């Protein structure tokens, strides 16, 4: 059975999450360091899609509260275009407004302070993005 991956693009780290095989539950994976090399990042994602049998990559695009696109959204859209040119797996963008806020809240509730959240927040944000997609898939 196939799985889905979700990515939370950031300038330093790219959060990664994976679905289970029933496409009902999202789990965080270790983040990918964003060293600026799309070739290296695409290679890591290509290996991950093969290893995890992922047939779809969902990339969060952080819209502003009024629905407009800011600088972070433009970076995520550019990253998406670069990945589409490098990978054969289907890639979709989804609105990820407030995913980092939600991930931080969940980590705080789990007893993680701000310093402990640093290396967890990106992949937990990707997890929020993916779980939202799994719970409410676009029609």
N, C-alpha and C. Protein backbone atom coordinates (compact mmCIF):
# COMPACT_ATOMS: atom_id res chain seq x y z
N UNK A 1 0.84 -1.19 0.00
CA UNK A 1 0.00 0.00 0.00
C UNK A 1 0.88 1.25 0.00
N UNK A 2 0.35 2.30 -0.56
CA UNK A 2 1.12 3.53 -0.66
C UNK A 2 0.92 4.41 0.57
N UNK A 3 1.80 5.37 0.69
CA UNK A 3 1.75 6.34 1.78
C UNK A 3 1.93 7.74 1.19
N UNK A 4 1.66 8.73 2.00
CA UNK A 4 1.88 10.12 1.61
C UNK A 4 2.97 10.72 2.50
N UNK A 5 3.75 11.62 1.93
CA UNK A 5 4.72 12.42 2.67
C UNK A 5 4.22 13.86 2.71
N UNK A 6 4.55 14.57 3.76
CA UNK A 6 4.27 16.00 3.82
C UNK A 6 5.56 16.72 4.20
N UNK A 7 5.73 17.92 3.65
CA UNK A 7 6.90 18.72 3.91
C UNK A 7 6.50 20.10 4.40
N UNK A 8 7.23 20.58 5.41
CA UNK A 8 7.08 21.95 5.89
C UNK A 8 8.40 22.65 5.56
N UNK A 9 8.39 23.41 4.46
CA UNK A 9 9.61 24.03 3.96
C UNK A 9 10.05 25.17 4.87
N UNK A 10 11.34 25.18 5.17
CA UNK A 10 11.93 26.27 5.93
C UNK A 10 13.32 26.58 5.40
N UNK A 11 13.82 27.76 5.71
CA UNK A 11 15.12 28.18 5.21
C UNK A 11 16.27 27.32 5.76
N UNK A 12 16.10 26.78 6.97
CA UNK A 12 17.16 25.97 7.58
C UNK A 12 16.82 24.48 7.63
N UNK A 13 15.55 24.18 7.87
CA UNK A 13 15.11 22.79 8.00
C UNK A 13 13.82 22.57 7.22
N UNK A 14 13.68 21.36 6.69
CA UNK A 14 12.45 20.97 6.01
C UNK A 14 11.84 19.86 6.85
N UNK A 15 10.71 20.16 7.47
CA UNK A 15 10.03 19.17 8.28
C UNK A 15 9.42 18.09 7.39
N UNK A 16 9.43 16.86 7.87
CA UNK A 16 8.94 15.73 7.09
C UNK A 16 7.99 14.89 7.96
N UNK A 17 6.88 14.48 7.35
CA UNK A 17 5.94 13.57 8.02
C UNK A 17 5.50 12.51 7.01
N UNK A 18 5.08 11.37 7.54
CA UNK A 18 4.65 10.25 6.69
C UNK A 18 3.30 9.75 7.21
N UNK A 19 2.47 9.30 6.28
CA UNK A 19 1.19 8.69 6.68
C UNK A 19 1.41 7.21 6.93
N UNK A 20 0.45 6.60 7.59
CA UNK A 20 0.46 5.14 7.68
C UNK A 20 -0.10 4.60 6.36
N UNK A 21 -0.10 3.29 6.21
CA UNK A 21 -0.54 2.69 4.95
C UNK A 21 -2.03 2.80 4.71
N UNK A 22 -2.80 3.07 5.76
CA UNK A 22 -4.25 3.23 5.58
C UNK A 22 -4.63 4.68 5.27
N UNK A 23 -3.62 5.56 5.23
CA UNK A 23 -3.82 6.99 4.95
C UNK A 23 -4.76 7.64 5.97
N UNK A 24 -4.59 7.25 7.25
CA UNK A 24 -5.41 7.83 8.30
C UNK A 24 -4.61 8.54 9.38
N UNK A 25 -3.34 8.19 9.54
CA UNK A 25 -2.55 8.74 10.64
C UNK A 25 -1.21 9.26 10.14
N UNK A 26 -0.85 10.47 10.56
CA UNK A 26 0.43 11.09 10.19
C UNK A 26 1.40 10.98 11.35
N UNK A 27 2.66 10.73 11.02
CA UNK A 27 3.73 10.65 12.02
C UNK A 27 4.93 11.46 11.54
N UNK A 28 5.60 12.16 12.47
CA UNK A 28 6.78 12.93 12.07
C UNK A 28 7.97 12.02 11.78
N UNK A 29 8.80 12.46 10.85
CA UNK A 29 10.09 11.83 10.55
C UNK A 29 11.18 12.87 10.83
N UNK A 30 12.43 12.46 10.88
CA UNK A 30 13.50 13.46 11.07
C UNK A 30 13.48 14.51 9.95
N UNK A 31 13.78 15.76 10.33
CA UNK A 31 13.81 16.84 9.34
C UNK A 31 14.98 16.65 8.39
N UNK A 32 14.88 17.31 7.25
CA UNK A 32 15.97 17.36 6.27
C UNK A 32 16.61 18.74 6.37
N UNK A 33 17.91 18.77 6.54
CA UNK A 33 18.61 20.06 6.60
C UNK A 33 18.52 20.74 5.24
N UNK A 34 18.14 22.00 5.25
CA UNK A 34 18.06 22.76 4.00
C UNK A 34 19.39 23.48 3.81
N UNK A 35 20.25 22.86 3.02
CA UNK A 35 21.57 23.44 2.75
C UNK A 35 21.58 24.25 1.45
N UNK A 36 20.40 24.45 0.87
CA UNK A 36 20.30 25.23 -0.36
C UNK A 36 20.51 24.43 -1.63
N UNK A 37 20.88 23.16 -1.52
CA UNK A 37 21.12 22.33 -2.70
C UNK A 37 19.87 21.53 -3.03
N UNK A 38 19.11 22.00 -4.00
CA UNK A 38 17.88 21.29 -4.39
C UNK A 38 18.21 19.89 -4.90
N UNK A 39 19.37 19.73 -5.52
CA UNK A 39 19.77 18.41 -6.02
C UNK A 39 19.92 17.42 -4.87
N UNK A 40 20.56 17.85 -3.79
CA UNK A 40 20.77 16.98 -2.63
C UNK A 40 19.44 16.70 -1.93
N UNK A 41 18.63 17.73 -1.75
CA UNK A 41 17.33 17.57 -1.09
C UNK A 41 16.44 16.64 -1.91
N UNK A 42 16.41 16.84 -3.23
CA UNK A 42 15.60 15.98 -4.10
C UNK A 42 16.08 14.54 -4.03
N UNK A 43 17.39 14.34 -3.95
CA UNK A 43 17.93 12.99 -3.82
C UNK A 43 17.49 12.33 -2.53
N UNK A 44 17.50 13.08 -1.43
CA UNK A 44 17.04 12.53 -0.15
C UNK A 44 15.55 12.19 -0.21
N UNK A 45 14.77 13.06 -0.83
CA UNK A 45 13.34 12.81 -0.93
C UNK A 45 13.04 11.65 -1.88
N UNK A 46 13.79 11.55 -2.95
CA UNK A 46 13.62 10.43 -3.88
C UNK A 46 13.86 9.10 -3.13
N UNK A 47 14.93 9.03 -2.36
CA UNK A 47 15.24 7.82 -1.59
C UNK A 47 14.15 7.55 -0.55
N UNK A 48 13.64 8.60 0.07
CA UNK A 48 12.60 8.44 1.08
C UNK A 48 11.29 7.95 0.47
N UNK A 49 10.94 8.47 -0.71
CA UNK A 49 9.69 8.02 -1.35
C UNK A 49 9.78 6.55 -1.74
N UNK A 50 10.96 6.11 -2.16
CA UNK A 50 11.14 4.70 -2.51
C UNK A 50 11.09 3.84 -1.25
N UNK A 51 11.84 4.25 -0.23
CA UNK A 51 11.91 3.49 1.02
C UNK A 51 10.53 3.35 1.68
N UNK A 52 9.76 4.42 1.68
CA UNK A 52 8.46 4.44 2.36
C UNK A 52 7.29 4.15 1.43
N UNK A 53 7.57 3.93 0.15
CA UNK A 53 6.53 3.68 -0.85
C UNK A 53 5.51 4.82 -0.89
N UNK A 54 6.02 6.04 -0.92
CA UNK A 54 5.16 7.23 -0.96
C UNK A 54 4.80 7.57 -2.40
N UNK A 55 3.52 7.82 -2.63
CA UNK A 55 3.05 8.13 -3.97
C UNK A 55 2.62 9.59 -4.12
N UNK A 56 2.67 10.34 -3.03
CA UNK A 56 2.26 11.74 -3.05
C UNK A 56 3.09 12.50 -2.03
N UNK A 57 3.55 13.68 -2.43
CA UNK A 57 4.21 14.60 -1.51
C UNK A 57 3.34 15.85 -1.40
N UNK A 58 3.02 16.21 -0.18
CA UNK A 58 2.21 17.40 0.09
C UNK A 58 3.14 18.44 0.70
N UNK A 59 3.16 19.63 0.11
CA UNK A 59 4.02 20.69 0.60
C UNK A 59 3.15 21.85 1.07
N UNK A 60 3.37 22.24 2.31
CA UNK A 60 2.61 23.34 2.88
C UNK A 60 3.06 24.68 2.33
N UNK A 61 2.11 25.53 2.00
CA UNK A 61 2.37 26.89 1.56
C UNK A 61 1.70 27.81 2.57
N UNK A 62 2.50 28.57 3.33
CA UNK A 62 1.93 29.40 4.41
C UNK A 62 1.31 30.70 3.90
N UNK A 63 0.01 30.68 3.76
CA UNK A 63 -0.69 31.91 3.35
C UNK A 63 -0.85 32.84 4.54
N UNK A 64 -0.99 34.11 4.23
CA UNK A 64 -1.31 35.10 5.26
C UNK A 64 -2.76 34.90 5.69
N UNK A 65 -3.12 35.48 6.81
CA UNK A 65 -4.47 35.30 7.32
C UNK A 65 -5.54 35.83 6.36
N UNK A 66 -5.18 36.79 5.51
CA UNK A 66 -6.14 37.32 4.53
C UNK A 66 -6.16 36.50 3.24
N UNK A 67 -5.38 35.41 3.20
CA UNK A 67 -5.35 34.53 2.03
C UNK A 67 -4.29 34.88 1.01
N UNK A 68 -3.60 35.99 1.21
CA UNK A 68 -2.56 36.39 0.26
C UNK A 68 -1.29 35.57 0.50
N UNK A 69 -0.37 35.66 -0.46
CA UNK A 69 0.90 34.96 -0.36
C UNK A 69 2.00 35.93 0.05
N UNK A 70 2.76 35.57 1.06
CA UNK A 70 3.90 36.37 1.49
C UNK A 70 5.21 35.76 0.99
N UNK A 71 6.32 36.24 1.54
CA UNK A 71 7.63 35.80 1.11
C UNK A 71 7.84 34.30 1.39
N UNK A 72 7.40 33.82 2.54
CA UNK A 72 7.57 32.39 2.87
C UNK A 72 6.78 31.51 1.92
N UNK A 73 5.60 31.96 1.55
CA UNK A 73 4.78 31.19 0.60
C UNK A 73 5.46 31.14 -0.77
N UNK A 74 6.02 32.25 -1.19
CA UNK A 74 6.70 32.27 -2.48
C UNK A 74 7.91 31.33 -2.48
N UNK A 75 8.63 31.27 -1.36
CA UNK A 75 9.76 30.33 -1.25
C UNK A 75 9.28 28.89 -1.34
N UNK A 76 8.17 28.59 -0.67
CA UNK A 76 7.63 27.23 -0.69
C UNK A 76 7.15 26.86 -2.09
N UNK A 77 6.55 27.81 -2.80
CA UNK A 77 6.10 27.55 -4.17
C UNK A 77 7.29 27.34 -5.11
N UNK A 78 8.35 28.10 -4.93
CA UNK A 78 9.56 27.93 -5.74
C UNK A 78 10.18 26.55 -5.47
N UNK A 79 10.22 26.16 -4.19
CA UNK A 79 10.74 24.85 -3.80
C UNK A 79 9.91 23.74 -4.44
N UNK A 80 8.61 23.91 -4.46
CA UNK A 80 7.71 22.93 -5.09
C UNK A 80 8.04 22.79 -6.57
N UNK A 81 8.19 23.90 -7.25
CA UNK A 81 8.50 23.87 -8.69
C UNK A 81 9.82 23.16 -8.95
N UNK A 82 10.82 23.41 -8.11
CA UNK A 82 12.11 22.75 -8.26
C UNK A 82 11.99 21.24 -8.04
N UNK A 83 11.21 20.85 -7.04
CA UNK A 83 11.03 19.41 -6.79
C UNK A 83 10.27 18.74 -7.92
N UNK A 84 9.26 19.41 -8.45
CA UNK A 84 8.51 18.83 -9.57
C UNK A 84 9.41 18.56 -10.77
N UNK A 85 10.43 19.38 -10.96
CA UNK A 85 11.36 19.19 -12.07
C UNK A 85 12.36 18.06 -11.78
N UNK A 86 12.47 17.66 -10.51
CA UNK A 86 13.47 16.67 -10.11
C UNK A 86 12.90 15.31 -9.73
N UNK A 87 11.62 15.26 -9.39
CA UNK A 87 11.01 14.01 -8.92
C UNK A 87 9.86 13.60 -9.82
N UNK A 88 9.56 12.31 -9.83
CA UNK A 88 8.44 11.82 -10.65
C UNK A 88 7.18 11.62 -9.83
N UNK A 89 7.28 11.63 -8.51
CA UNK A 89 6.11 11.44 -7.65
C UNK A 89 5.21 12.69 -7.73
N UNK A 90 3.91 12.48 -7.57
CA UNK A 90 2.97 13.61 -7.59
C UNK A 90 3.23 14.52 -6.39
N UNK A 91 3.15 15.82 -6.63
CA UNK A 91 3.38 16.82 -5.58
C UNK A 91 2.22 17.81 -5.59
N UNK A 92 1.66 18.06 -4.40
CA UNK A 92 0.57 19.02 -4.26
C UNK A 92 0.93 20.04 -3.20
N UNK A 93 0.45 21.26 -3.40
CA UNK A 93 0.55 22.30 -2.38
C UNK A 93 -0.75 22.40 -1.63
N UNK A 94 -0.65 22.67 -0.32
CA UNK A 94 -1.84 22.90 0.50
C UNK A 94 -1.58 24.11 1.39
N UNK A 95 -2.64 24.77 1.78
CA UNK A 95 -2.56 25.90 2.70
C UNK A 95 -2.15 25.37 4.07
N UNK A 96 -1.12 25.95 4.65
CA UNK A 96 -0.66 25.49 5.95
C UNK A 96 -0.73 26.59 7.01
N UNK A 97 -1.66 27.49 6.86
CA UNK A 97 -1.81 28.56 7.83
C UNK A 97 -1.85 28.01 9.25
N UNK A 98 -1.02 28.55 10.11
CA UNK A 98 -0.98 28.25 11.54
C UNK A 98 -0.54 26.83 11.90
N UNK A 99 0.03 26.08 10.96
CA UNK A 99 0.47 24.72 11.29
C UNK A 99 1.59 24.72 12.33
N UNK A 100 2.49 25.70 12.26
CA UNK A 100 3.58 25.77 13.23
C UNK A 100 3.04 26.14 14.61
N UNK A 101 2.06 27.02 14.65
CA UNK A 101 1.43 27.38 15.92
C UNK A 101 0.77 26.16 16.54
N UNK A 102 0.05 25.39 15.74
CA UNK A 102 -0.61 24.18 16.23
C UNK A 102 0.42 23.15 16.68
N UNK A 103 1.49 22.96 15.93
CA UNK A 103 2.53 22.00 16.31
C UNK A 103 3.19 22.42 17.62
N UNK A 104 3.46 23.70 17.78
CA UNK A 104 4.07 24.20 19.01
C UNK A 104 3.14 23.97 20.20
N UNK A 105 1.85 24.21 19.99
CA UNK A 105 0.88 23.99 21.06
C UNK A 105 0.87 22.52 21.48
N UNK A 106 0.88 21.62 20.51
CA UNK A 106 0.87 20.19 20.81
C UNK A 106 2.14 19.76 21.54
N UNK A 107 3.28 20.28 21.11
CA UNK A 107 4.54 19.93 21.77
C UNK A 107 4.57 20.48 23.20
N UNK A 108 4.05 21.69 23.38
CA UNK A 108 3.96 22.28 24.72
C UNK A 108 3.08 21.41 25.62
N UNK A 109 1.95 20.96 25.09
CA UNK A 109 1.07 20.09 25.86
C UNK A 109 1.73 18.76 26.21
N UNK A 110 2.69 18.35 25.38
CA UNK A 110 3.44 17.11 25.64
C UNK A 110 4.61 17.35 26.59
N UNK A 111 4.73 18.57 27.11
CA UNK A 111 5.75 18.87 28.09
C UNK A 111 7.07 19.36 27.53
N UNK A 112 7.10 19.75 26.26
CA UNK A 112 8.34 20.23 25.63
C UNK A 112 8.42 21.75 25.74
N UNK A 113 9.55 22.25 26.25
CA UNK A 113 9.73 23.70 26.32
C UNK A 113 10.26 24.20 24.98
N UNK A 114 10.43 25.51 24.86
CA UNK A 114 10.84 26.11 23.58
C UNK A 114 12.15 25.54 23.07
N UNK A 115 13.12 25.34 23.95
CA UNK A 115 14.42 24.80 23.52
C UNK A 115 14.27 23.34 23.05
N UNK A 116 13.47 22.56 23.74
CA UNK A 116 13.24 21.17 23.35
C UNK A 116 12.47 21.07 22.04
N UNK A 117 11.68 22.06 21.73
CA UNK A 117 10.87 22.06 20.51
C UNK A 117 11.70 22.34 19.25
N UNK A 118 12.87 22.96 19.40
CA UNK A 118 13.64 23.44 18.25
C UNK A 118 13.83 22.39 17.16
N UNK A 119 14.27 21.20 17.52
CA UNK A 119 14.53 20.17 16.52
C UNK A 119 13.31 19.30 16.21
N UNK A 120 12.20 19.59 16.87
CA UNK A 120 10.98 18.80 16.66
C UNK A 120 9.90 19.56 15.90
N UNK A 121 9.94 20.88 15.96
CA UNK A 121 8.83 21.69 15.48
C UNK A 121 8.58 21.54 13.98
N UNK A 122 9.63 21.46 13.18
CA UNK A 122 9.44 21.42 11.72
C UNK A 122 8.71 20.16 11.27
N UNK A 123 9.15 19.01 11.76
CA UNK A 123 8.49 17.77 11.36
C UNK A 123 7.12 17.63 12.01
N UNK A 124 6.94 18.21 13.19
CA UNK A 124 5.62 18.19 13.78
C UNK A 124 4.67 19.12 13.03
N UNK A 125 5.19 20.21 12.46
CA UNK A 125 4.37 21.06 11.60
C UNK A 125 3.97 20.30 10.34
N UNK A 126 4.91 19.55 9.76
CA UNK A 126 4.60 18.72 8.59
C UNK A 126 3.53 17.69 8.95
N UNK A 127 3.60 17.19 10.17
CA UNK A 127 2.61 16.22 10.65
C UNK A 127 1.21 16.86 10.72
N UNK A 128 1.14 18.09 11.20
CA UNK A 128 -0.13 18.82 11.26
C UNK A 128 -0.67 19.01 9.84
N UNK A 129 0.19 19.40 8.92
CA UNK A 129 -0.21 19.60 7.52
C UNK A 129 -0.76 18.29 6.94
N UNK A 130 -0.04 17.20 7.14
CA UNK A 130 -0.45 15.92 6.58
C UNK A 130 -1.72 15.41 7.23
N UNK A 131 -1.83 15.52 8.55
CA UNK A 131 -3.03 15.01 9.21
C UNK A 131 -4.26 15.78 8.76
N UNK A 132 -4.12 17.07 8.56
CA UNK A 132 -5.23 17.88 8.05
C UNK A 132 -5.64 17.40 6.65
N UNK A 133 -4.64 17.11 5.80
CA UNK A 133 -4.92 16.63 4.46
C UNK A 133 -5.62 15.25 4.51
N UNK A 134 -5.15 14.38 5.40
CA UNK A 134 -5.75 13.04 5.52
C UNK A 134 -7.18 13.12 6.05
N UNK A 135 -7.40 14.02 7.01
CA UNK A 135 -8.74 14.16 7.61
C UNK A 135 -9.74 14.82 6.67
N UNK A 136 -9.26 15.77 5.86
CA UNK A 136 -10.14 16.51 4.97
C UNK A 136 -9.53 16.62 3.58
N UNK A 137 -9.45 15.50 2.85
CA UNK A 137 -8.83 15.55 1.52
C UNK A 137 -9.63 16.43 0.57
N UNK A 138 -8.92 17.19 -0.28
CA UNK A 138 -9.65 18.01 -1.26
C UNK A 138 -10.42 17.13 -2.23
N UNK A 139 -11.53 17.61 -2.66
CA UNK A 139 -12.38 16.83 -3.58
C UNK A 139 -12.10 17.19 -4.99
